[in-house]
Amino acid sequence: MGRTQKRAYQEIRPIEPVMDINQIAPQLIGQSLWSGWLMFWATLWPLVLGFCLSGLVQACASRNAMERVMGSHKPGAILRASGLGMV
């Protein structure tokens, strides 16, 4: 083989696009909408649950009882209120 001959694996072929933007765009839009829905759901249900629990506490516990348990600004009362807030 001389220098002018090319082997089969040395052929230069133009790279053909697999898909153009008109085919890819709807798929990308669909994926982004699905990701947005999943993020919305991931934040929605904890918020709803938290608001429901807060409403339940406000409906069941009287203001006087809450002030008696957590009313002062001492470190013990702050720790108690923080602990109850984490639950």
PDB file of N, CA and C in Angstrom:
ATOM      1  N   MET A   1       0.827  -1.193   0.000  1.00  0.00           N
ATOM      2  CA  MET A   1       0.000   0.000   0.000  1.00  0.00           C
ATOM      3  C   MET A   1       0.865   1.249   0.000  1.00  0.00           C
ATOM      4  N   GLY A   2       0.549   2.118  -0.889  1.00  0.00           N
ATOM      5  CA  GLY A   2       1.288   3.362  -0.958  1.00  0.00           C
ATOM      6  C   GLY A   2       0.672   4.409  -0.042  1.00  0.00           C
ATOM      7  N   ARG A   3       1.281   5.540  -0.060  1.00  0.00           N
ATOM      8  CA  ARG A   3       0.797   6.603   0.811  1.00  0.00           C
ATOM      9  C   ARG A   3      -0.491   7.231   0.300  1.00  0.00           C
ATOM     10  N   THR A   4      -0.832   7.024  -0.910  1.00  0.00           N
ATOM     11  CA  THR A   4      -2.038   7.636  -1.471  1.00  0.00           C
ATOM     12  C   THR A   4      -3.287   6.835  -1.158  1.00  0.00           C
ATOM     13  N   GLN A   5      -3.162   5.574  -0.837  1.00  0.00           N
ATOM     14  CA  GLN A   5      -4.329   4.758  -0.537  1.00  0.00           C
ATOM     15  C   GLN A   5      -4.713   4.935   0.933  1.00  0.00           C
ATOM     16  N   LYS A   6      -6.017   4.954   1.187  1.00  0.00           N
ATOM     17  CA  LYS A   6      -6.517   5.039   2.556  1.00  0.00           C
ATOM     18  C   LYS A   6      -7.163   3.726   2.927  1.00  0.00           C
ATOM     19  N   ARG A   7      -7.014   3.363   4.146  1.00  0.00           N
ATOM     20  CA  ARG A   7      -7.652   2.156   4.628  1.00  0.00           C
ATOM     21  C   ARG A   7      -9.115   2.450   4.926  1.00  0.00           C
ATOM     22  N   ALA A   8      -9.923   1.397   5.078  1.00  0.00           N
ATOM     23  CA  ALA A   8     -11.365   1.567   5.286  1.00  0.00           C
ATOM     24  C   ALA A   8     -11.659   2.326   6.571  1.00  0.00           C
ATOM     25  N   TYR A   9     -10.886   2.070   7.608  1.00  0.00           N
ATOM     26  CA  TYR A   9     -11.167   2.732   8.876  1.00  0.00           C
ATOM     27  C   TYR A   9     -10.651   4.170   8.894  1.00  0.00           C
ATOM     28  N   GLN A  10      -9.957   4.580   7.893  1.00  0.00           N
ATOM     29  CA  GLN A  10      -9.433   5.935   7.829  1.00  0.00           C
ATOM     30  C   GLN A  10     -10.317   6.867   7.010  1.00  0.00           C
ATOM     31  N   GLU A  11     -11.444   6.371   6.542  1.00  0.00           N
ATOM     32  CA  GLU A  11     -12.315   7.237   5.764  1.00  0.00           C
ATOM     33  C   GLU A  11     -12.834   8.373   6.620  1.00  0.00           C
ATOM     34  N   ILE A  12     -12.934   9.512   6.028  1.00  0.00           N
ATOM     35  CA  ILE A  12     -13.478  10.668   6.736  1.00  0.00           C
ATOM     36  C   ILE A  12     -14.920  10.828   6.298  1.00  0.00           C
ATOM     37  N   ARG A  13     -15.810  10.687   7.276  1.00  0.00           N
ATOM     38  CA  ARG A  13     -17.237  10.841   6.988  1.00  0.00           C
ATOM     39  C   ARG A  13     -17.757  12.048   7.748  1.00  0.00           C
ATOM     40  N   PRO A  14     -18.635  12.786   7.155  1.00  0.00           N
ATOM     41  CA  PRO A  14     -19.205  13.916   7.913  1.00  0.00           C
ATOM     42  C   PRO A  14     -20.091  13.388   9.045  1.00  0.00           C
ATOM     43  N   ILE A  15     -20.068  14.082  10.146  1.00  0.00           N
ATOM     44  CA  ILE A  15     -20.902  13.698  11.289  1.00  0.00           C
ATOM     45  C   ILE A  15     -22.322  14.163  11.010  1.00  0.00           C
ATOM     46  N   GLU A  16     -23.235  13.227  11.041  1.00  0.00           N
ATOM     47  CA  GLU A  16     -24.638  13.555  10.781  1.00  0.00           C
ATOM     48  C   GLU A  16     -25.344  13.749  12.118  1.00  0.00           C
ATOM     49  N   PRO A  17     -26.124  14.790  12.242  1.00  0.00           N
ATOM     50  CA  PRO A  17     -26.851  14.969  13.509  1.00  0.00           C
ATOM     51  C   PRO A  17     -27.884  13.862  13.681  1.00  0.00           C
ATOM     52  N   VAL A  18     -27.983  13.382  14.903  1.00  0.00           N
ATOM     53  CA  VAL A  18     -28.939  12.319  15.194  1.00  0.00           C
ATOM     54  C   VAL A  18     -30.358  12.877  15.158  1.00  0.00           C
ATOM     55  N   MET A  19     -30.550  14.015  15.798  1.00  0.00           N
ATOM     56  CA  MET A  19     -31.861  14.663  15.826  1.00  0.00           C
ATOM     57  C   MET A  19     -31.642  16.165  15.676  1.00  0.00           C
ATOM     58  N   ASP A  20     -32.563  16.842  15.073  1.00  0.00           N
ATOM     59  CA  ASP A  20     -32.431  18.290  15.010  1.00  0.00           C
ATOM     60  C   ASP A  20     -33.238  18.913  16.148  1.00  0.00           C
ATOM     61  N   ILE A  21     -33.169  20.207  16.274  1.00  0.00           N
ATOM     62  CA  ILE A  21     -33.786  20.902  17.400  1.00  0.00           C
ATOM     63  C   ILE A  21     -35.299  20.752  17.412  1.00  0.00           C
ATOM     64  N   ASN A  22     -35.923  20.605  16.260  1.00  0.00           N
ATOM     65  CA  ASN A  22     -37.376  20.441  16.213  1.00  0.00           C
ATOM     66  C   ASN A  22     -37.811  19.102  16.795  1.00  0.00           C
ATOM     67  N   GLN A  23     -36.930  18.139  16.809  1.00  0.00           N
ATOM     68  CA  GLN A  23     -37.256  16.855  17.411  1.00  0.00           C
ATOM     69  C   GLN A  23     -36.881  16.821  18.887  1.00  0.00           C
ATOM     70  N   ILE A  24     -35.837  17.540  19.255  1.00  0.00           N
ATOM     71  CA  ILE A  24     -35.349  17.516  20.631  1.00  0.00           C
ATOM     72  C   ILE A  24     -36.152  18.447  21.531  1.00  0.00           C
ATOM     73  N   ALA A  25     -36.571  19.608  21.022  1.00  0.00           N
ATOM     74  CA  ALA A  25     -37.221  20.633  21.841  1.00  0.00           C
ATOM     75  C   ALA A  25     -38.463  20.119  22.574  1.00  0.00           C
ATOM     76  N   PRO A  26     -39.401  19.420  21.928  1.00  0.00           N
ATOM     77  CA  PRO A  26     -40.567  18.943  22.686  1.00  0.00           C
ATOM     78  C   PRO A  26     -40.186  17.977  23.801  1.00  0.00           C
ATOM     79  N   GLN A  27     -39.182  17.165  23.565  1.00  0.00           N
ATOM     80  CA  GLN A  27     -38.742  16.231  24.599  1.00  0.00           C
ATOM     81  C   GLN A  27     -38.136  16.991  25.778  1.00  0.00           C
ATOM     82  N   LEU A  28     -37.319  18.005  25.493  1.00  0.00           N
ATOM     83  CA  LEU A  28     -36.712  18.789  26.564  1.00  0.00           C
ATOM     84  C   LEU A  28     -37.759  19.583  27.337  1.00  0.00           C
ATOM     85  N   ILE A  29     -38.736  20.121  26.626  1.00  0.00           N
ATOM     86  CA  ILE A  29     -39.811  20.859  27.301  1.00  0.00           C
ATOM     87  C   ILE A  29     -40.605  19.924  28.201  1.00  0.00           C
ATOM     88  N   GLY A  30     -40.899  18.730  27.715  1.00  0.00           N
ATOM     89  CA  GLY A  30     -41.617  17.752  28.524  1.00  0.00           C
ATOM     90  C   GLY A  30     -40.828  17.339  29.758  1.00  0.00           C
ATOM     91  N   GLN A  31     -39.542  17.134  29.595  1.00  0.00           N
ATOM     92  CA  GLN A  31     -38.713  16.764  30.741  1.00  0.00           C
ATOM     93  C   GLN A  31     -38.641  17.890  31.763  1.00  0.00           C
ATOM     94  N   SER A  32     -38.545  19.127  31.299  1.00  0.00           N
ATOM     95  CA  SER A  32     -38.472  20.241  32.242  1.00  0.00           C
ATOM     96  C   SER A  32     -39.806  20.453  32.955  1.00  0.00           C
ATOM     97  N   LEU A  33     -40.909  20.259  32.260  1.00  0.00           N
ATOM     98  CA  LEU A  33     -42.212  20.363  32.928  1.00  0.00           C
ATOM     99  C   LEU A  33     -42.376  19.270  33.979  1.00  0.00           C
ATOM    100  N   TRP A  34     -41.939  18.059  33.662  1.00  0.00           N
ATOM    101  CA  TRP A  34     -42.031  16.954  34.626  1.00  0.00           C
ATOM    102  C   TRP A  34     -41.138  17.231  35.839  1.00  0.00           C
ATOM    103  N   SER A  35     -39.926  17.749  35.614  1.00  0.00           N
ATOM    104  CA  SER A  35     -39.037  18.084  36.727  1.00  0.00           C
ATOM    105  C   SER A  35     -39.644  19.197  37.580  1.00  0.00           C
ATOM    106  N   GLY A  36     -40.258  20.180  36.929  1.00  0.00           N
ATOM    107  CA  GLY A  36     -40.923  21.247  37.675  1.00  0.00           C
ATOM    108  C   GLY A  36     -42.064  20.734  38.523  1.00  0.00           C
ATOM    109  N   TRP A  37     -42.855  19.796  37.990  1.00  0.00           N
ATOM    110  CA  TRP A  37     -43.948  19.206  38.758  1.00  0.00           C
ATOM    111  C   TRP A  37     -43.410  18.447  39.968  1.00  0.00           C
ATOM    112  N   LEU A  38     -42.329  17.689  39.776  1.00  0.00           N
ATOM    113  CA  LEU A  38     -41.761  16.932  40.886  1.00  0.00           C
ATOM    114  C   LEU A  38     -41.229  17.856  41.980  1.00  0.00           C
ATOM    115  N   MET A  39     -40.601  18.967  41.591  1.00  0.00           N
ATOM    116  CA  MET A  39     -40.126  19.925  42.594  1.00  0.00           C
ATOM    117  C   MET A  39     -41.300  20.598  43.308  1.00  0.00           C
ATOM    118  N   PHE A  40     -42.353  20.921  42.560  1.00  0.00           N
ATOM    119  CA  PHE A  40     -43.549  21.514  43.165  1.00  0.00           C
ATOM    120  C   PHE A  40     -44.164  20.552  44.173  1.00  0.00           C
ATOM    121  N   TRP A  41     -44.279  19.268  43.804  1.00  0.00           N
ATOM    122  CA  TRP A  41     -44.863  18.272  44.696  1.00  0.00           C
ATOM    123  C   TRP A  41     -43.981  18.062  45.922  1.00  0.00           C
ATOM    124  N   ALA A  42     -42.659  18.078  45.722  1.00  0.00           N
ATOM    125  CA  ALA A  42     -41.741  17.856  46.831  1.00  0.00           C
ATOM    126  C   ALA A  42     -41.841  18.961  47.881  1.00  0.00           C
ATOM    127  N   THR A  43     -42.244  20.164  47.479  1.00  0.00           N
ATOM    128  CA  THR A  43     -42.393  21.249  48.446  1.00  0.00           C
ATOM    129  C   THR A  43     -43.842  21.453  48.872  1.00  0.00           C
ATOM    130  N   LEU A  44     -44.807  21.011  48.090  1.00  0.00           N
ATOM    131  CA  LEU A  44     -46.213  21.265  48.409  1.00  0.00           C
ATOM    132  C   LEU A  44     -46.700  20.448  49.585  1.00  0.00           C
ATOM    133  N   TRP A  45     -46.481  19.125  49.544  1.00  0.00           N
ATOM    134  CA  TRP A  45     -47.091  18.306  50.591  1.00  0.00           C
ATOM    135  C   TRP A  45     -46.502  18.588  51.979  1.00  0.00           C
ATOM    136  N   PRO A  46     -45.194  18.900  52.141  1.00  0.00           N
ATOM    137  CA  PRO A  46     -44.746  19.268  53.485  1.00  0.00           C
ATOM    138  C   PRO A  46     -45.343  20.595  53.965  1.00  0.00           C
ATOM    139  N   LEU A  47     -45.523  21.541  53.031  1.00  0.00           N
ATOM    140  CA  LEU A  47     -46.147  22.798  53.434  1.00  0.00           C
ATOM    141  C   LEU A  47     -47.588  22.585  53.893  1.00  0.00           C
ATOM    142  N   VAL A  48     -48.344  21.813  53.145  1.00  0.00           N
ATOM    143  CA  VAL A  48     -49.737  21.544  53.523  1.00  0.00           C
ATOM    144  C   VAL A  48     -49.788  20.817  54.861  1.00  0.00           C
ATOM    145  N   LEU A  49     -48.926  19.831  55.045  1.00  0.00           N
ATOM    146  CA  LEU A  49     -48.887  19.095  56.311  1.00  0.00           C
ATOM    147  C   LEU A  49     -48.524  20.024  57.470  1.00  0.00           C
ATOM    148  N   GLY A  50     -47.545  20.893  57.256  1.00  0.00           N
ATOM    149  CA  GLY A  50     -47.147  21.833  58.308  1.00  0.00           C
ATOM    150  C   GLY A  50     -48.257  22.805  58.661  1.00  0.00           C
ATOM    151  N   PHE A  51     -48.950  23.325  57.655  1.00  0.00           N
ATOM    152  CA  PHE A  51     -50.058  24.239  57.939  1.00  0.00           C
ATOM    153  C   PHE A  51     -51.199  23.520  58.656  1.00  0.00           C
ATOM    154  N   CYS A  52     -51.449  22.274  58.290  1.00  0.00           N
ATOM    155  CA  CYS A  52     -52.502  21.506  58.977  1.00  0.00           C
ATOM    156  C   CYS A  52     -52.141  21.264  60.434  1.00  0.00           C
ATOM    157  N   LEU A  53     -50.895  20.903  60.695  1.00  0.00           N
ATOM    158  CA  LEU A  53     -50.465  20.695  62.082  1.00  0.00           C
ATOM    159  C   LEU A  53     -50.512  21.997  62.879  1.00  0.00           C
ATOM    160  N   SER A  54     -50.112  23.102  62.258  1.00  0.00           N
ATOM    161  CA  SER A  54     -50.173  24.389  62.930  1.00  0.00           C
ATOM    162  C   SER A  54     -51.618  24.771  63.262  1.00  0.00           C
ATOM    163  N   GLY A  55     -52.514  24.544  62.319  1.00  0.00           N
ATOM    164  CA  GLY A  55     -53.927  24.821  62.576  1.00  0.00           C
ATOM    165  C   GLY A  55     -54.496  23.942  63.667  1.00  0.00           C
ATOM    166  N   LEU A  56     -54.057  22.684  63.706  1.00  0.00           N
ATOM    167  CA  LEU A  56     -54.517  21.764  64.749  1.00  0.00           C
ATOM    168  C   LEU A  56     -54.044  22.226  66.117  1.00  0.00           C
ATOM    169  N   VAL A  57     -52.802  22.646  66.223  1.00  0.00           N
ATOM    170  CA  VAL A  57     -52.275  23.137  67.502  1.00  0.00           C
ATOM    171  C   VAL A  57     -53.009  24.399  67.920  1.00  0.00           C
ATOM    172  N   GLN A  58     -53.255  25.314  66.986  1.00  0.00           N
ATOM    173  CA  GLN A  58     -53.957  26.557  67.337  1.00  0.00           C
ATOM    174  C   GLN A  58     -55.404  26.290  67.732  1.00  0.00           C
ATOM    175  N   ALA A  59     -56.008  25.259  67.146  1.00  0.00           N
ATOM    176  CA  ALA A  59     -57.402  24.952  67.478  1.00  0.00           C
ATOM    177  C   ALA A  59     -57.519  24.218  68.807  1.00  0.00           C
ATOM    178  N   CYS A  60     -56.540  23.399  69.142  1.00  0.00           N
ATOM    179  CA  CYS A  60     -56.648  22.554  70.334  1.00  0.00           C
ATOM    180  C   CYS A  60     -56.002  23.149  71.577  1.00  0.00           C
ATOM    181  N   ALA A  61     -54.941  23.903  71.420  1.00  0.00           N
ATOM    182  CA  ALA A  61     -54.234  24.454  72.584  1.00  0.00           C
ATOM    183  C   ALA A  61     -54.684  25.887  72.818  1.00  0.00           C
ATOM    184  N   SER A  62     -54.990  26.191  74.076  1.00  0.00           N
ATOM    185  CA  SER A  62     -55.422  27.562  74.385  1.00  0.00           C
ATOM    186  C   SER A  62     -54.195  28.482  74.466  1.00  0.00           C
ATOM    187  N   ARG A  63     -54.446  29.742  74.298  1.00  0.00           N
ATOM    188  CA  ARG A  63     -53.348  30.719  74.330  1.00  0.00           C
ATOM    189  C   ARG A  63     -52.728  30.772  75.724  1.00  0.00           C
ATOM    190  N   ASN A  64     -53.530  30.673  76.749  1.00  0.00           N
ATOM    191  CA  ASN A  64     -53.016  30.724  78.122  1.00  0.00           C
ATOM    192  C   ASN A  64     -52.108  29.530  78.404  1.00  0.00           C
ATOM    193  N   ALA A  65     -52.482  28.352  77.920  1.00  0.00           N
ATOM    194  CA  ALA A  65     -51.643  27.177  78.128  1.00  0.00           C
ATOM    195  C   ALA A  65     -50.318  27.313  77.386  1.00  0.00           C
ATOM    196  N   MET A  66     -50.354  27.866  76.180  1.00  0.00           N
ATOM    197  CA  MET A  66     -49.119  28.066  75.417  1.00  0.00           C
ATOM    198  C   MET A  66     -48.204  29.081  76.117  1.00  0.00           C
ATOM    199  N   GLU A  67     -48.782  30.159  76.651  1.00  0.00           N
ATOM    200  CA  GLU A  67     -47.974  31.155  77.358  1.00  0.00           C
ATOM    201  C   GLU A  67     -47.400  30.580  78.643  1.00  0.00           C
ATOM    202  N   ARG A  68     -48.146  29.704  79.294  1.00  0.00           N
ATOM    203  CA  ARG A  68     -47.649  29.086  80.517  1.00  0.00           C
ATOM    204  C   ARG A  68     -46.447  28.180  80.228  1.00  0.00           C
ATOM    205  N   VAL A  69     -46.502  27.432  79.130  1.00  0.00           N
ATOM    206  CA  VAL A  69     -45.414  26.505  78.801  1.00  0.00           C
ATOM    207  C   VAL A  69     -44.229  27.226  78.169  1.00  0.00           C
ATOM    208  N   MET A  70     -44.493  28.171  77.267  1.00  0.00           N
ATOM    209  CA  MET A  70     -43.404  28.800  76.508  1.00  0.00           C
ATOM    210  C   MET A  70     -43.378  30.314  76.618  1.00  0.00           C
ATOM    211  N   GLY A  71     -43.944  30.896  77.638  1.00  0.00           N
ATOM    212  CA  GLY A  71     -44.121  32.338  77.691  1.00  0.00           C
ATOM    213  C   GLY A  71     -42.904  33.160  78.039  1.00  0.00           C
ATOM    214  N   SER A  72     -41.966  32.633  78.793  1.00  0.00           N
ATOM    215  CA  SER A  72     -40.832  33.460  79.215  1.00  0.00           C
ATOM    216  C   SER A  72     -39.728  33.454  78.161  1.00  0.00           C
ATOM    217  N   HIS A  73     -38.749  34.328  78.381  1.00  0.00           N
ATOM    218  CA  HIS A  73     -37.619  34.423  77.455  1.00  0.00           C
ATOM    219  C   HIS A  73     -36.367  33.801  78.060  1.00  0.00           C
ATOM    220  N   LYS A  74     -36.547  32.907  79.007  1.00  0.00           N
ATOM    221  CA  LYS A  74     -35.415  32.233  79.627  1.00  0.00           C
ATOM    222  C   LYS A  74     -34.904  31.128  78.709  1.00  0.00           C
ATOM    223  N   PRO A  75     -33.646  30.721  78.879  1.00  0.00           N
ATOM    224  CA  PRO A  75     -33.079  29.691  77.996  1.00  0.00           C
ATOM    225  C   PRO A  75     -33.861  28.365  78.013  1.00  0.00           C
ATOM    226  N   GLY A  76     -34.370  27.979  79.147  1.00  0.00           N
ATOM    227  CA  GLY A  76     -35.142  26.731  79.218  1.00  0.00           C
ATOM    228  C   GLY A  76     -36.409  26.784  78.377  1.00  0.00           C
ATOM    229  N   ALA A  77     -37.110  27.904  78.438  1.00  0.00           N
ATOM    230  CA  ALA A  77     -38.339  28.056  77.658  1.00  0.00           C
ATOM    231  C   ALA A  77     -38.029  28.124  76.164  1.00  0.00           C
ATOM    232  N   ILE A  78     -36.916  28.767  75.819  1.00  0.00           N
ATOM    233  CA  ILE A  78     -36.532  28.850  74.398  1.00  0.00           C
ATOM    234  C   ILE A  78     -36.171  27.463  73.867  1.00  0.00           C
ATOM    235  N   LEU A  79     -35.430  26.672  74.656  1.00  0.00           N
ATOM    236  CA  LEU A  79     -35.092  25.310  74.241  1.00  0.00           C
ATOM    237  C   LEU A  79     -36.335  24.439  74.126  1.00  0.00           C
ATOM    238  N   ARG A  80     -37.275  24.601  75.058  1.00  0.00           N
ATOM    239  CA  ARG A  80     -38.519  23.828  75.015  1.00  0.00           C
ATOM    240  C   ARG A  80     -39.321  24.182  73.760  1.00  0.00           C
ATOM    241  N   ALA A  81     -39.432  25.474  73.472  1.00  0.00           N
ATOM    242  CA  ALA A  81     -40.180  25.911  72.287  1.00  0.00           C
ATOM    243  C   ALA A  81     -39.488  25.451  71.017  1.00  0.00           C
ATOM    244  N   SER A  82     -38.149  25.500  70.977  1.00  0.00           N
ATOM    245  CA  SER A  82     -37.418  25.021  69.795  1.00  0.00           C
ATOM    246  C   SER A  82     -37.605  23.522  69.608  1.00  0.00           C
ATOM    247  N   GLY A  83     -37.556  22.780  70.703  1.00  0.00           N
ATOM    248  CA  GLY A  83     -37.756  21.329  70.611  1.00  0.00           C
ATOM    249  C   GLY A  83     -39.159  20.986  70.132  1.00  0.00           C
ATOM    250  N   LEU A  84     -40.167  21.689  70.649  1.00  0.00           N
ATOM    251  CA  LEU A  84     -41.533  21.425  70.186  1.00  0.00           C
ATOM    252  C   LEU A  84     -41.715  21.864  68.731  1.00  0.00           C
ATOM    253  N   GLY A  85     -40.988  22.889  68.305  1.00  0.00           N
ATOM    254  CA  GLY A  85     -41.083  23.321  66.918  1.00  0.00           C
ATOM    255  C   GLY A  85     -40.456  22.335  65.950  1.00  0.00           C
ATOM    256  N   MET A  86     -39.462  21.584  66.423  1.00  0.00           N
ATOM    257  CA  MET A  86     -38.809  20.591  65.555  1.00  0.00           C
ATOM    258  C   MET A  86     -39.646  19.326  65.397  1.00  0.00           C
ATOM    259  N   VAL A  87     -40.540  19.100  66.322  1.00  0.00           N
ATOM    260  CA  VAL A  87     -41.345  17.862  66.265  1.00  0.00           C
ATOM    261  C   VAL A  87     -42.402  17.936  65.251  1.00  0.00           C
TER     262      VAL A  87
END
